[in-house]
Amino acid sequence: MSSAAVASTAGLRIRPTLVPERERAIGDMQAFLARVHPQTPAEALRLLRNAYPEAALSLRVAACGLNG
C-alpha cells in the first residue's frame, strides 16, 4: 500500500507539493516582507496586496505564514 493510501485511510491530509513557480512567488513575497518589516499580519497582507496585486490571496497568505 502506498504512503498516500495509508495516510488517506488514517484520515490524514497530504499536502501536495508546491510547484516551483508558486514557491518562487512565495519566496519573493517573503523577501519583500523581510525588507519592509510589517508590524502585524494585517499590515503584511495589505503591503503584499499593494506590491503584488496580481497574486492570489492564497499566495499572499502563504507568504505571511498564515496558512496553518
C-alpha atoms as a PDB file:
ATOM      1  CA  MET A   1       0.000   0.000   0.000  1.00  0.00           C
ATOM      2  CA  SER A   2       1.366   3.432  -0.902  1.00  0.00           C
ATOM      3  CA  SER A   3       2.073   6.056   1.759  1.00  0.00           C
ATOM      4  CA  ALA A   4      -0.737   8.193   0.307  1.00  0.00           C
ATOM      5  CA  ALA A   5      -3.174   5.326   0.712  1.00  0.00           C
ATOM      6  CA  VAL A   6      -2.018   4.717   4.276  1.00  0.00           C
ATOM      7  CA  ALA A   7      -2.363   8.404   5.148  1.00  0.00           C
ATOM      8  CA  SER A   8      -5.758   8.525   3.467  1.00  0.00           C
ATOM      9  CA  THR A   9      -7.037   5.573   5.421  1.00  0.00           C
ATOM     10  CA  ALA A  10      -5.658   7.088   8.623  1.00  0.00           C
ATOM     11  CA  GLY A  11      -7.661  10.277   7.993  1.00  0.00           C
ATOM     12  CA  LEU A  12      -4.585  12.407   7.352  1.00  0.00           C
ATOM     13  CA  ARG A  13      -4.365  15.046   4.662  1.00  0.00           C
ATOM     14  CA  ILE A  14      -1.282  15.033   2.472  1.00  0.00           C
ATOM     15  CA  ARG A  15      -0.184  18.461   1.365  1.00  0.00           C
ATOM     16  CA  PRO A  16       0.519  18.496  -2.377  1.00  0.00           C
ATOM     17  CA  THR A  17       3.996  19.523  -3.367  1.00  0.00           C
ATOM     18  CA  LEU A  18       4.176  23.184  -4.272  1.00  0.00           C
ATOM     19  CA  VAL A  19       5.093  23.873  -7.844  1.00  0.00           C
ATOM     20  CA  PRO A  20       8.376  25.756  -8.284  1.00  0.00           C
ATOM     21  CA  GLU A  21       6.572  28.814  -9.666  1.00  0.00           C
ATOM     22  CA  ARG A  22       4.417  29.062  -6.536  1.00  0.00           C
ATOM     23  CA  GLU A  23       7.428  28.511  -4.260  1.00  0.00           C
ATOM     24  CA  ARG A  24       9.337  31.254  -6.078  1.00  0.00           C
ATOM     25  CA  ALA A  25       6.427  33.698  -5.772  1.00  0.00           C
ATOM     26  CA  ILE A  26       6.087  32.999  -2.058  1.00  0.00           C
ATOM     27  CA  GLY A  27       9.842  33.395  -1.599  1.00  0.00           C
ATOM     28  CA  ASP A  28       9.794  36.735  -3.411  1.00  0.00           C
ATOM     29  CA  MET A  29       6.961  37.955  -1.193  1.00  0.00           C
ATOM     30  CA  GLN A  30       8.718  36.771   1.957  1.00  0.00           C
ATOM     31  CA  ALA A  31      11.880  38.622   0.915  1.00  0.00           C
ATOM     32  CA  PHE A  32       9.779  41.750   0.356  1.00  0.00           C
ATOM     33  CA  LEU A  33       8.260  41.412   3.826  1.00  0.00           C
ATOM     34  CA  ALA A  34      11.718  40.964   5.352  1.00  0.00           C
ATOM     35  CA  ARG A  35      12.734  44.294   3.811  1.00  0.00           C
ATOM     36  CA  VAL A  36       9.678  46.297   4.911  1.00  0.00           C
ATOM     37  CA  HIS A  37       9.179  44.778   8.411  1.00  0.00           C
ATOM     38  CA  PRO A  38       5.376  44.867   8.799  1.00  0.00           C
ATOM     39  CA  GLN A  39       4.182  45.044  12.398  1.00  0.00           C
ATOM     40  CA  THR A  40       1.078  42.871  12.043  1.00  0.00           C
ATOM     41  CA  PRO A  41      -0.204  40.137   9.728  1.00  0.00           C
ATOM     42  CA  ALA A  42      -2.905  42.551   8.516  1.00  0.00           C
ATOM     43  CA  GLU A  43      -0.269  45.102   7.579  1.00  0.00           C
ATOM     44  CA  ALA A  44       1.774  42.401   5.829  1.00  0.00           C
ATOM     45  CA  LEU A  45      -1.232  41.323   3.751  1.00  0.00           C
ATOM     46  CA  ARG A  46      -2.031  44.933   2.861  1.00  0.00           C
ATOM     47  CA  LEU A  47       1.565  45.576   1.778  1.00  0.00           C
ATOM     48  CA  LEU A  48       1.597  42.407  -0.309  1.00  0.00           C
ATOM     49  CA  ARG A  49      -1.740  43.298  -1.932  1.00  0.00           C
ATOM     50  CA  ASN A  50      -0.292  46.660  -2.992  1.00  0.00           C
ATOM     51  CA  ALA A  51       3.070  45.244  -4.111  1.00  0.00           C
ATOM     52  CA  TYR A  52       1.693  42.099  -5.814  1.00  0.00           C
ATOM     53  CA  PRO A  53      -1.841  42.962  -6.985  1.00  0.00           C
ATOM     54  CA  GLU A  54      -1.984  40.064  -9.460  1.00  0.00           C
ATOM     55  CA  ALA A  55      -1.025  37.441  -6.878  1.00  0.00           C
ATOM     56  CA  ALA A  56      -3.771  35.243  -5.492  1.00  0.00           C
ATOM     57  CA  LEU A  57      -4.797  35.811  -1.904  1.00  0.00           C
ATOM     58  CA  SER A  58      -3.734  32.252  -1.083  1.00  0.00           C
ATOM     59  CA  LEU A  59      -0.164  33.091  -2.142  1.00  0.00           C
ATOM     60  CA  ARG A  60      -0.109  36.262  -0.049  1.00  0.00           C
ATOM     61  CA  VAL A  61      -1.467  34.362   2.955  1.00  0.00           C
ATOM     62  CA  ALA A  62       1.165  31.644   2.497  1.00  0.00           C
ATOM     63  CA  ALA A  63       3.913  34.264   2.274  1.00  0.00           C
ATOM     64  CA  CYS A  64       2.772  35.645   5.633  1.00  0.00           C
ATOM     65  CA  GLY A  65       2.855  32.166   7.146  1.00  0.00           C
ATOM     66  CA  LEU A  66      -0.862  32.265   7.959  1.00  0.00           C
ATOM     67  CA  ASN A  67      -1.919  29.089   6.168  1.00  0.00           C
ATOM     68  CA  GLY A  68      -1.628  26.869   9.263  1.00  0.00           C
END
